[in-house]
C-alpha atoms as a PDB file:
ATOM      1  CA  MET A   1     -21.831 -23.673  10.272  1.00  0.00           C
ATOM      2  CA  ASN A   2     -20.286 -23.609  13.911  1.00  0.00           C
ATOM      3  CA  PHE A   3     -23.674 -24.741  14.858  1.00  0.00           C
ATOM      4  CA  TRP A   4     -23.594 -27.738  12.964  1.00  0.00           C
ATOM      5  CA  ILE A   5     -20.129 -28.212  13.858  1.00  0.00           C
ATOM      6  CA  ILE A   6     -21.223 -27.962  17.722  1.00  0.00           C
ATOM      7  CA  ALA A   7     -23.884 -30.478  17.450  1.00  0.00           C
ATOM      8  CA  ILE A   8     -22.355 -33.189  15.186  1.00  0.00           C
ATOM      9  CA  TRP A   9     -19.227 -33.763  17.938  1.00  0.00           C
ATOM     10  CA  ILE A  10     -22.374 -33.533  21.412  1.00  0.00           C
ATOM     11  CA  THR A  11     -24.315 -36.538  19.373  1.00  0.00           C
ATOM     12  CA  LEU A  12     -20.760 -38.209  18.619  1.00  0.00           C
ATOM     13  CA  ALA A  13     -20.044 -37.966  22.997  1.00  0.00           C
ATOM     14  CA  ILE A  14     -23.771 -38.702  23.411  1.00  0.00           C
ATOM     15  CA  GLY A  15     -24.140 -41.924  21.607  1.00  0.00           C
ATOM     16  CA  ALA A  16     -19.807 -43.421  22.247  1.00  0.00           C
ATOM     17  CA  ILE A  17     -21.390 -42.626  25.996  1.00  0.00           C
ATOM     18  CA  ALA A  18     -23.983 -44.553  25.594  1.00  0.00           C
ATOM     19  CA  PHE A  19     -23.330 -47.266  23.030  1.00  0.00           C
ATOM     20  CA  TYR A  20     -19.462 -47.645  24.264  1.00  0.00           C
ATOM     21  CA  PRO A  21     -20.741 -50.534  26.943  1.00  0.00           C
ATOM     22  CA  LEU A  22     -22.179 -52.473  24.171  1.00  0.00           C
ATOM     23  CA  LEU A  23     -18.586 -53.349  22.464  1.00  0.00           C
ATOM     24  CA  LYS A  24     -17.269 -53.964  25.501  1.00  0.00           C
ATOM     25  CA  ARG A  25     -16.576 -58.157  25.559  1.00  0.00           C
ATOM     26  CA  ASN A  26     -19.282 -59.875  27.730  1.00  0.00           C
ATOM     27  CA  THR A  27     -16.839 -61.963  29.267  1.00  0.00           C
ATOM     28  CA  HIS A  28     -18.360 -63.022  33.147  1.00  0.00           C
ATOM     29  CA  GLN A  29     -14.753 -64.054  33.550  1.00  0.00           C
ATOM     30  CA  ASN A  30     -14.907 -62.165  37.638  1.00  0.00           C
ATOM     31  CA  SER A  31     -15.694 -65.490  39.331  1.00  0.00           C
ATOM     32  CA  GLN A  32     -13.233 -67.367  37.407  1.00  0.00           C
ATOM     33  CA  LYS A  33     -10.304 -65.536  38.041  1.00  0.00           C
ATOM     34  CA  ARG A  34     -11.265 -65.552  41.894  1.00  0.00           C
ATOM     35  CA  ASN A  35     -11.630 -69.146  41.684  1.00  0.00           C
ATOM     36  CA  GLU A  36      -7.666 -69.836  40.212  1.00  0.00           C
ATOM     37  CA  LEU A  37      -6.376 -67.130  42.690  1.00  0.00           C
ATOM     38  CA  ASN A  38      -8.045 -69.592  45.530  1.00  0.00           C
ATOM     39  CA  LYS A  39      -6.548 -72.704  44.100  1.00  0.00           C
ATOM     40  CA  ALA A  40      -3.130 -70.670  43.900  1.00  0.00           C
ATOM     41  CA  PHE A  41      -3.382 -69.507  47.973  1.00  0.00           C
ATOM     42  CA  TYR A  42      -4.735 -73.232  48.806  1.00  0.00           C
ATOM     43  CA  PHE A  43      -1.678 -74.283  47.059  1.00  0.00           C
ATOM     44  CA  ASP A  44       1.115 -72.414  48.453  1.00  0.00           C
ATOM     45  CA  ARG A  45      -0.635 -72.454  51.702  1.00  0.00           C
ATOM     46  CA  LEU A  46      -0.976 -76.439  52.070  1.00  0.00           C
ATOM     47  CA  LYS A  47       2.962 -76.390  50.638  1.00  0.00           C
ATOM     48  CA  GLU A  48       3.597 -73.629  53.825  1.00  0.00           C
ATOM     49  CA  VAL A  49       2.165 -76.007  56.251  1.00  0.00           C
ATOM     50  CA  GLU A  50       3.913 -78.856  54.621  1.00  0.00           C
ATOM     51  CA  GLN A  51       7.138 -77.023  55.576  1.00  0.00           C
ATOM     52  CA  GLU A  52       5.894 -75.997  59.128  1.00  0.00           C
ATOM     53  CA  GLU A  53       5.365 -79.593  59.947  1.00  0.00           C
ATOM     54  CA  LYS A  54       8.694 -80.589  58.826  1.00  0.00           C
ATOM     55  CA  GLU A  55      10.187 -77.273  61.235  1.00  0.00           C
ATOM     56  CA  GLY A  56       7.460 -79.259  63.658  1.00  0.00           C
ATOM     57  CA  LEU A  57       5.843 -75.449  63.830  1.00  0.00           C
ATOM     58  CA  ILE A  58       2.717 -77.522  63.414  1.00  0.00           C
ATOM     59  CA  GLU A  59       1.265 -80.451  65.736  1.00  0.00           C
ATOM     60  CA  ASP A  60      -1.458 -81.608  63.521  1.00  0.00           C
ATOM     61  CA  ASN A  61      -1.525 -80.770  60.173  1.00  0.00           C
ATOM     62  CA  GLN A  62      -4.301 -82.494  59.102  1.00  0.00           C
ATOM     63  CA  GLN A  63      -6.882 -80.489  61.001  1.00  0.00           C
ATOM     64  CA  THR A  64      -4.674 -77.241  59.291  1.00  0.00           C
ATOM     65  CA  LYS A  65      -5.512 -78.730  55.802  1.00  0.00           C
ATOM     66  CA  LEU A  66      -9.253 -79.188  56.607  1.00  0.00           C
ATOM     67  CA  GLU A  67      -9.629 -75.913  57.796  1.00  0.00           C
ATOM     68  CA  LEU A  68      -7.968 -74.572  54.441  1.00  0.00           C
ATOM     69  CA  GLN A  69     -10.405 -77.134  52.206  1.00  0.00           C
ATOM     70  CA  GLN A  70     -13.262 -75.838  54.180  1.00  0.00           C
ATOM     71  CA  SER A  71     -12.116 -71.948  53.358  1.00  0.00           C
ATOM     72  CA  LEU A  72     -11.196 -73.203  49.439  1.00  0.00           C
ATOM     73  CA  LEU A  73     -14.911 -74.571  49.546  1.00  0.00           C
ATOM     74  CA  ASP A  74     -16.664 -71.830  50.877  1.00  0.00           C
ATOM     75  CA  ASP A  75     -15.222 -69.359  48.416  1.00  0.00           C
ATOM     76  CA  ILE A  76     -16.324 -71.214  45.719  1.00  0.00           C
ATOM     77  CA  PRO A  77     -20.039 -70.369  44.230  1.00  0.00           C
ATOM     78  CA  SER A  78     -22.242 -72.834  44.538  1.00  0.00           C
ATOM     79  CA  GLN A  79     -23.663 -72.110  40.661  1.00  0.00           C
ATOM     80  CA  PRO A  80     -20.520 -71.844  38.339  1.00  0.00           C
ATOM     81  CA  ASP A  81     -21.003 -68.517  35.765  1.00  0.00           C
ATOM     82  CA  ILE A  82     -21.426 -69.160  32.544  1.00  0.00           C
ATOM     83  CA  THR A  83     -18.329 -68.053  30.975  1.00  0.00           C
ATOM     84  CA  VAL A  84     -18.954 -66.269  27.099  1.00  0.00           C
ATOM     85  CA  ASN A  85     -14.305 -66.019  25.855  1.00  0.00           C
ATOM     86  CA  GLY A  86     -13.823 -63.301  23.686  1.00  0.00           C
ATOM     87  CA  LYS A  87     -17.480 -62.831  22.258  1.00  0.00           C
ATOM     88  CA  LYS A  88     -18.791 -59.571  21.616  1.00  0.00           C
ATOM     89  CA  SER A  89     -22.757 -58.464  22.155  1.00  0.00           C
ATOM     90  CA  LEU A  90     -22.482 -55.732  19.385  1.00  0.00           C
ATOM     91  CA  SER A  91     -19.880 -55.605  16.878  1.00  0.00           C
ATOM     92  CA  PRO A  92     -18.894 -51.967  16.127  1.00  0.00           C
ATOM     93  CA  LEU A  93     -21.286 -51.587  12.722  1.00  0.00           C
ATOM     94  CA  TRP A  94     -23.999 -51.641  15.445  1.00  0.00           C
ATOM     95  CA  PHE A  95     -22.139 -48.914  17.568  1.00  0.00           C
ATOM     96  CA  ILE A  96     -21.410 -47.091  14.411  1.00  0.00           C
ATOM     97  CA  GLY A  97     -25.578 -47.565  13.183  1.00  0.00           C
ATOM     98  CA  LEU A  98     -26.745 -46.629  16.328  1.00  0.00           C
ATOM     99  CA  ILE A  99     -24.654 -43.160  16.350  1.00  0.00           C
ATOM    100  CA  ILE A 100     -26.311 -42.526  12.998  1.00  0.00           C
ATOM    101  CA  LEU A 101     -29.224 -43.066  13.813  1.00  0.00           C
ATOM    102  CA  VAL A 102     -29.296 -40.457  16.558  1.00  0.00           C
ATOM    103  CA  ILE A 103     -27.837 -38.029  14.151  1.00  0.00           C
ATOM    104  CA  GLY A 104     -30.674 -39.001  11.238  1.00  0.00           C
ATOM    105  CA  THR A 105     -33.494 -38.767  14.194  1.00  0.00           C
ATOM    106  CA  SER A 106     -31.966 -35.337  16.227  1.00  0.00           C
ATOM    107  CA  SER A 107     -31.883 -33.638  12.454  1.00  0.00           C
ATOM    108  CA  ALA A 108     -34.890 -34.593  11.145  1.00  0.00           C
ATOM    109  CA  ILE A 109     -36.476 -33.291  14.478  1.00  0.00           C
ATOM    110  CA  TYR A 110     -34.803 -30.381  14.233  1.00  0.00           C
ATOM    111  CA  TRP A 111     -35.966 -29.998  10.285  1.00  0.00           C
ATOM    112  CA  ASN A 112     -39.426 -30.198  11.164  1.00  0.00           C
ATOM    113  CA  VAL A 113     -39.636 -28.689  14.172  1.00  0.00           C
ATOM    114  CA  GLY A 114     -36.888 -25.523  14.038  1.00  0.00           C
ATOM    115  CA  SER A 115     -37.102 -25.018  10.445  1.00  0.00           C
ATOM    116  CA  TRP A 116     -40.961 -24.853  10.863  1.00  0.00           C
ATOM    117  CA  PHE A 117     -40.745 -22.577  13.990  1.00  0.00           C
ATOM    118  CA  THR A 118     -37.392 -20.244  11.922  1.00  0.00           C
ATOM    119  CA  GLY A 119     -40.023 -19.616   9.072  1.00  0.00           C
ATOM    120  CA  THR A 120     -43.074 -19.282  11.558  1.00  0.00           C
ATOM    121  CA  MET A 121     -41.548 -16.280  12.622  1.00  0.00           C
ATOM    122  CA  LEU A 122     -39.625 -14.846   9.526  1.00  0.00           C
ATOM    123  CA  GLU A 123     -43.654 -14.287   7.759  1.00  0.00           C
ATOM    124  CA  MET A 124     -44.927 -13.144  10.999  1.00  0.00           C
ATOM    125  CA  THR A 125     -41.840 -10.511  11.103  1.00  0.00           C
ATOM    126  CA  HIS A 126     -42.738 -10.244   6.933  1.00  0.00           C
ATOM    127  CA  LYS A 127     -46.059  -9.287   7.367  1.00  0.00           C
ATOM    128  CA  LYS A 128     -45.599  -6.313   9.887  1.00  0.00           C
ATOM    129  CA  LEU A 129     -43.365  -4.538   6.691  1.00  0.00           C
ATOM    130  CA  ASP A 130     -46.412  -1.983   6.702  1.00  0.00           C
ATOM    131  CA  TYR A 131     -46.773  -1.548   9.994  1.00  0.00           C
ATOM    132  CA  PHE A 132     -42.594  -0.673   9.988  1.00  0.00           C
ATOM    133  CA  TYR A 133     -42.893   1.888   6.976  1.00  0.00           C
ATOM    134  CA  GLU A 134     -45.979   3.654   8.988  1.00  0.00           C
ATOM    135  CA  ARG A 135     -43.757   3.399  12.586  1.00  0.00           C
ATOM    136  CA  ILE A 136     -40.773   5.490  10.506  1.00  0.00           C
ATOM    137  CA  LYS A 137     -42.998   7.833   9.431  1.00  0.00           C
ATOM    138  CA  THR A 138     -42.720   8.998  13.608  1.00  0.00           C
ATOM    139  CA  GLU A 139     -39.370   8.034  13.892  1.00  0.00           C
ATOM    140  CA  GLU A 140     -38.040  11.762  14.900  1.00  0.00           C
ATOM    141  CA  THR A 141     -40.944  11.612  17.809  1.00  0.00           C
ATOM    142  CA  ASP A 142     -41.081   8.687  18.368  1.00  0.00           C
ATOM    143  CA  PRO A 143     -37.800   6.370  17.399  1.00  0.00           C
ATOM    144  CA  LEU A 144     -37.402   3.025  16.629  1.00  0.00           C
ATOM    145  CA  SER A 145     -36.272   0.727  19.463  1.00  0.00           C
ATOM    146  CA  ASP A 146     -33.465  -1.604  18.319  1.00  0.00           C
ATOM    147  CA  GLN A 147     -35.841  -4.841  18.391  1.00  0.00           C
ATOM    148  CA  GLU A 148     -38.317  -2.979  15.943  1.00  0.00           C
ATOM    149  CA  LEU A 149     -35.263  -1.792  13.781  1.00  0.00           C
ATOM    150  CA  ASN A 150     -33.737  -6.174  13.770  1.00  0.00           C
ATOM    151  CA  GLN A 151     -37.392  -6.780  12.731  1.00  0.00           C
ATOM    152  CA  PHE A 152     -37.880  -4.177  10.485  1.00  0.00           C
ATOM    153  CA  ALA A 153     -34.620  -5.824   8.995  1.00  0.00           C
ATOM    154  CA  MET A 154     -35.500  -8.860   8.651  1.00  0.00           C
ATOM    155  CA  ALA A 155     -38.831  -7.919   7.358  1.00  0.00           C
ATOM    156  CA  LEU A 156     -37.212  -6.384   4.704  1.00  0.00           C
ATOM    157  CA  ARG A 157     -34.256  -9.495   3.617  1.00  0.00           C
ATOM    158  CA  VAL A 158     -37.635 -11.333   3.182  1.00  0.00           C
ATOM    159  CA  GLU A 159     -39.552  -9.098   1.168  1.00  0.00           C
ATOM    160  CA  LEU A 160     -36.077  -8.719  -1.219  1.00  0.00           C
ATOM    161  CA  GLN A 161     -36.050 -13.084  -1.186  1.00  0.00           C
ATOM    162  CA  GLU A 162     -39.020 -12.488  -3.375  1.00  0.00           C
ATOM    163  CA  LYS A 163     -38.263  -9.294  -4.961  1.00  0.00           C
ATOM    164  CA  PRO A 164     -34.594  -8.746  -5.050  1.00  0.00           C
ATOM    165  CA  THR A 165     -34.958  -6.221  -7.821  1.00  0.00           C
ATOM    166  CA  ASP A 166     -36.834  -3.849  -5.281  1.00  0.00           C
ATOM    167  CA  ASP A 167     -34.213  -0.660  -5.223  1.00  0.00           C
ATOM    168  CA  LYS A 168     -36.397   1.390  -2.327  1.00  0.00           C
ATOM    169  CA  SER A 169     -36.121  -2.471  -0.491  1.00  0.00           C
ATOM    170  CA  TRP A 170     -32.240  -1.982  -0.601  1.00  0.00           C
ATOM    171  CA  PHE A 171     -31.969   2.048  -0.102  1.00  0.00           C
ATOM    172  CA  MET A 172     -34.195   0.872   3.543  1.00  0.00           C
ATOM    173  CA  LEU A 173     -32.288  -1.863   4.457  1.00  0.00           C
ATOM    174  CA  GLY A 174     -29.300   0.471   4.176  1.00  0.00           C
ATOM    175  CA  GLN A 175     -31.076   3.362   6.166  1.00  0.00           C
ATOM    176  CA  VAL A 176     -31.801   0.601   8.795  1.00  0.00           C
ATOM    177  CA  GLY A 177     -28.463  -0.896   8.629  1.00  0.00           C
ATOM    178  CA  MET A 178     -26.998   2.393   9.564  1.00  0.00           C
ATOM    179  CA  ALA A 179     -29.615   3.198  12.828  1.00  0.00           C
ATOM    180  CA  LEU A 180     -28.522  -0.604  13.861  1.00  0.00           C
ATOM    181  CA  ASP A 181     -25.031   0.453  13.738  1.00  0.00           C
ATOM    182  CA  ASN A 182     -23.795  -1.927  11.116  1.00  0.00           C
ATOM    183  CA  GLY A 183     -21.733  -0.098   8.122  1.00  0.00           C
ATOM    184  CA  GLN A 184     -21.545  -3.598   6.359  1.00  0.00           C
ATOM    185  CA  ILE A 185     -24.867  -4.550   6.313  1.00  0.00           C
ATOM    186  CA  ALA A 186     -25.762  -0.770   5.370  1.00  0.00           C
ATOM    187  CA  LEU A 187     -22.737  -0.406   2.482  1.00  0.00           C
ATOM    188  CA  ASP A 188     -23.944  -3.674   1.036  1.00  0.00           C
ATOM    189  CA  SER A 189     -27.282  -2.277   1.024  1.00  0.00           C
ATOM    190  CA  TYR A 190     -26.062   0.936  -0.808  1.00  0.00           C
ATOM    191  CA  ALA A 191     -24.454  -0.252  -2.765  1.00  0.00           C
ATOM    192  CA  LYS A 192     -27.041  -3.150  -4.704  1.00  0.00           C
ATOM    193  CA  ALA A 193     -29.573   0.048  -4.726  1.00  0.00           C
ATOM    194  CA  VAL A 194     -27.213   2.574  -6.416  1.00  0.00           C
ATOM    195  CA  ALA A 195     -26.073  -0.474  -8.772  1.00  0.00           C
ATOM    196  CA  LEU A 196     -30.157  -0.742  -9.509  1.00  0.00           C
ATOM    197  CA  LYS A 197     -31.198   2.254  -9.838  1.00  0.00           C
ATOM    198  CA  PRO A 198     -27.582   4.676 -10.767  1.00  0.00           C
ATOM    199  CA  ASP A 199     -29.215   7.778 -11.948  1.00  0.00           C
ATOM    200  CA  ASN A 200     -31.087   7.470  -8.203  1.00  0.00           C
ATOM    201  CA  LEU A 201     -28.218  11.119  -6.586  1.00  0.00           C
ATOM    202  CA  GLN A 202     -30.140  10.235  -2.908  1.00  0.00           C
ATOM    203  CA  TYR A 203     -28.951   6.921  -3.296  1.00  0.00           C
ATOM    204  CA  LYS A 204     -25.195   7.567  -4.514  1.00  0.00           C
ATOM    205  CA  GLN A 205     -24.929  10.137  -1.586  1.00  0.00           C
ATOM    206  CA  LYS A 206     -25.811   7.580   1.141  1.00  0.00           C
ATOM    207  CA  TYR A 207     -23.308   5.415  -0.195  1.00  0.00           C
ATOM    208  CA  ALA A 208     -20.878   7.824  -0.501  1.00  0.00           C
ATOM    209  CA  GLN A 209     -21.224   9.572   2.326  1.00  0.00           C
ATOM    210  CA  LEU A 210     -20.647   5.615   3.842  1.00  0.00           C
ATOM    211  CA  LEU A 211     -17.873   4.932   1.645  1.00  0.00           C
ATOM    212  CA  LEU A 212     -15.775   8.370   3.045  1.00  0.00           C
ATOM    213  CA  PHE A 213     -16.347   7.366   6.273  1.00  0.00           C
ATOM    214  CA  SER A 214     -14.631   3.686   6.060  1.00  0.00           C
ATOM    215  CA  SER A 215     -11.218   3.190   7.319  1.00  0.00           C
ATOM    216  CA  ASP A 216     -10.368   1.676   4.153  1.00  0.00           C
ATOM    217  CA  PRO A 217      -8.525   3.728   1.493  1.00  0.00           C
ATOM    218  CA  LYS A 218     -10.326   2.069  -1.309  1.00  0.00           C
ATOM    219  CA  ASP A 219     -13.463   2.691  -0.237  1.00  0.00           C
ATOM    220  CA  LYS A 220     -12.368   6.154   0.838  1.00  0.00           C
ATOM    221  CA  GLU A 221     -11.494   6.581  -2.931  1.00  0.00           C
ATOM    222  CA  LYS A 222     -14.393   5.076  -4.280  1.00  0.00           C
ATOM    223  CA  GLY A 223     -16.279   7.414  -2.115  1.00  0.00           C
ATOM    224  CA  GLU A 224     -14.708  10.207  -3.878  1.00  0.00           C
ATOM    225  CA  GLU A 225     -15.292   8.888  -7.178  1.00  0.00           C
ATOM    226  CA  VAL A 226     -19.061   8.783  -6.852  1.00  0.00           C
ATOM    227  CA  VAL A 227     -19.868  12.324  -4.895  1.00  0.00           C
ATOM    228  CA  LYS A 228     -17.386  13.925  -8.108  1.00  0.00           C
ATOM    229  CA  GLU A 229     -20.175  11.677 -10.447  1.00  0.00           C
ATOM    230  CA  ILE A 230     -22.432  13.634  -7.944  1.00  0.00           C
ATOM    231  CA  ILE A 231     -21.342  17.136  -8.556  1.00  0.00           C
ATOM    232  CA  ARG A 232     -20.902  16.625 -12.386  1.00  0.00           C
ATOM    233  CA  ILE A 233     -24.524  15.347 -12.127  1.00  0.00           C
ATOM    234  CA  ASP A 234     -25.537  18.133 -10.084  1.00  0.00           C
ATOM    235  CA  HIS A 235     -23.314  20.871  -9.749  1.00  0.00           C
ATOM    236  CA  THR A 236     -25.575  22.491  -7.164  1.00  0.00           C
ATOM    237  CA  ASN A 237     -25.987  19.427  -4.920  1.00  0.00           C
ATOM    238  CA  VAL A 238     -24.835  21.092  -1.677  1.00  0.00           C
ATOM    239  CA  ASP A 239     -24.579  17.200   0.012  1.00  0.00           C
ATOM    240  CA  ALA A 240     -22.149  16.286  -2.238  1.00  0.00           C
ATOM    241  CA  LEU A 241     -20.229  19.349  -2.175  1.00  0.00           C
ATOM    242  CA  SER A 242     -20.358  19.177   1.756  1.00  0.00           C
ATOM    243  CA  LEU A 243     -18.997  15.420   1.221  1.00  0.00           C
ATOM    244  CA  LEU A 244     -15.813  16.416  -1.298  1.00  0.00           C
ATOM    245  CA  ALA A 245     -15.042  19.364   0.857  1.00  0.00           C
ATOM    246  CA  PHE A 246     -14.445  17.037   4.148  1.00  0.00           C
ATOM    247  CA  SER A 247     -12.892  14.011   2.165  1.00  0.00           C
ATOM    248  CA  SER A 248     -10.065  17.001   0.720  1.00  0.00           C
ATOM    249  CA  PHE A 249      -9.591  18.416   3.889  1.00  0.00           C
ATOM    250  CA  GLU A 250      -9.020  15.038   5.373  1.00  0.00           C
ATOM    251  CA  LYS A 251      -6.184  14.338   2.227  1.00  0.00           C
ATOM    252  CA  GLU A 252      -5.350  17.622   3.546  1.00  0.00           C
ATOM    253  CA  ASP A 253      -5.662  19.055   0.381  1.00  0.00           C
ATOM    254  CA  TYR A 254      -6.675  22.273   2.158  1.00  0.00           C
ATOM    255  CA  LYS A 255      -7.100  25.083  -1.264  1.00  0.00           C
ATOM    256  CA  MET A 256      -9.652  22.621  -2.561  1.00  0.00           C
ATOM    257  CA  ALA A 257     -11.513  21.993   0.290  1.00  0.00           C
ATOM    258  CA  ALA A 258     -11.723  26.216   0.677  1.00  0.00           C
ATOM    259  CA  MET A 259     -12.723  25.873  -2.985  1.00  0.00           C
ATOM    260  CA  THR A 260     -15.177  23.408  -2.376  1.00  0.00           C
ATOM    261  CA  TRP A 261     -16.854  25.137   0.749  1.00  0.00           C
ATOM    262  CA  GLY A 262     -16.886  28.418  -0.861  1.00  0.00           C
ATOM    263  CA  MET A 263     -19.296  26.744  -4.230  1.00  0.00           C
ATOM    264  CA  MET A 264     -21.621  25.878  -0.851  1.00  0.00           C
ATOM    265  CA  LEU A 265     -21.476  28.970   0.309  1.00  0.00           C
ATOM    266  CA  LYS A 266     -23.320  30.508  -3.240  1.00  0.00           C
ATOM    267  CA  PHE A 267     -26.168  27.735  -3.450  1.00  0.00           C
ATOM    268  CA  LEU A 268     -26.935  28.457   0.467  1.00  0.00           C
ATOM    269  CA  PRO A 269     -29.817  30.427   1.517  1.00  0.00           C
ATOM    270  CA  GLU A 270     -28.359  33.551   3.606  1.00  0.00           C
ATOM    271  CA  ASN A 271     -30.269  32.559   6.571  1.00  0.00           C
ATOM    272  CA  ASP A 272     -29.603  29.068   5.838  1.00  0.00           C
ATOM    273  CA  PRO A 273     -28.501  27.495   9.752  1.00  0.00           C
ATOM    274  CA  ARG A 274     -24.889  26.181   7.697  1.00  0.00           C
ATOM    275  CA  ARG A 275     -23.703  28.909   6.808  1.00  0.00           C
ATOM    276  CA  PRO A 276     -21.562  29.975   9.982  1.00  0.00           C
ATOM    277  CA  THR A 277     -20.374  26.759  10.181  1.00  0.00           C
ATOM    278  CA  ILE A 278     -19.109  26.356   6.374  1.00  0.00           C
ATOM    279  CA  GLU A 279     -17.465  29.795   6.657  1.00  0.00           C
ATOM    280  CA  ARG A 280     -15.577  29.085   9.858  1.00  0.00           C
ATOM    281  CA  SER A 281     -14.438  25.744   8.466  1.00  0.00           C
ATOM    282  CA  ILE A 282     -13.067  27.682   5.437  1.00  0.00           C
ATOM    283  CA  GLN A 283     -10.858  30.256   7.641  1.00  0.00           C
ATOM    284  CA  SER A 284      -9.969  26.427   8.935  1.00  0.00           C
ATOM    285  CA  ALA A 285      -8.731  25.384   5.633  1.00  0.00           C
ATOM    286  CA  LEU A 286      -6.933  29.250   4.907  1.00  0.00           C
ATOM    287  CA  SER A 287      -4.975  29.168   7.885  1.00  0.00           C
ATOM    288  CA  MET A 288      -3.787  25.272   7.353  1.00  0.00           C
ATOM    289  CA  ILE A 289      -2.637  26.877   3.695  1.00  0.00           C
ATOM    290  CA  LYS A 290      -0.927  29.919   5.639  1.00  0.00           C
ATOM    291  CA  THR A 291       0.778  27.422   7.531  1.00  0.00           C
ATOM    292  CA  GLU A 292       1.681  25.784   4.505  1.00  0.00           C
ATOM    293  CA  ASN A 293       3.384  28.261   2.998  1.00  0.00           C
ATOM    294  CA  LYS A 294       5.452  29.476   5.522  1.00  0.00           C
END
């Protein structure tokens, strides 16, 4: 929208600069005004000569008058200018019409050239969708660049325009949004994937995680509800339990946090590398409980 506002203002400015002179009156009165001034000067000077003659300051007044007449004739052009008084070369309607013509022409060029170029770029990017799906298989050893991620997101958007009910593409767009640190794209995409596949716990878990990390209290509340839905369906879901424990600790519900982390330990193997971190988290929660009870 801002682009079009700026484009219109620039077009109007260019049109005003280019076509405004057409609205100015074509009087050609410069020479006429000059002649009138010369005549006025001549008659004023003639009066002065007569006054000087009476005072005896001028001996030969006829010679002085001839010199004045000759000076006046020298200033009068041999070919009088053709004057057109009060007539305009073009009316304001012509000016408005020319502005509309400029806007129409520039818009037509943009739609035929700019839109075609944009459409071609989108089509080319969309054809690389399979390539991007292959690339993410090596993400850990060869991560995608920001440029590739942006192209991946663009290709997914084009795909979703054609297949708006493709939950997998929505979820992947959310993943790409997270990689680009674009939380809004990720949140909207995860929400769409969950709406299309409400039984998919992976979708729910990613959606809940993003909601809980939001700064909006309403998002956090919604995220906790989604986490509890996951646990009701699968009480052994360690990732969901971890999110619930984190949310409880953040709300200073240390008892709930310690209990949730304790449940996690029951479902983790003895050699799981996460166990030491969870045990320290439990001790931190218990310590906070003791502090509150003092």
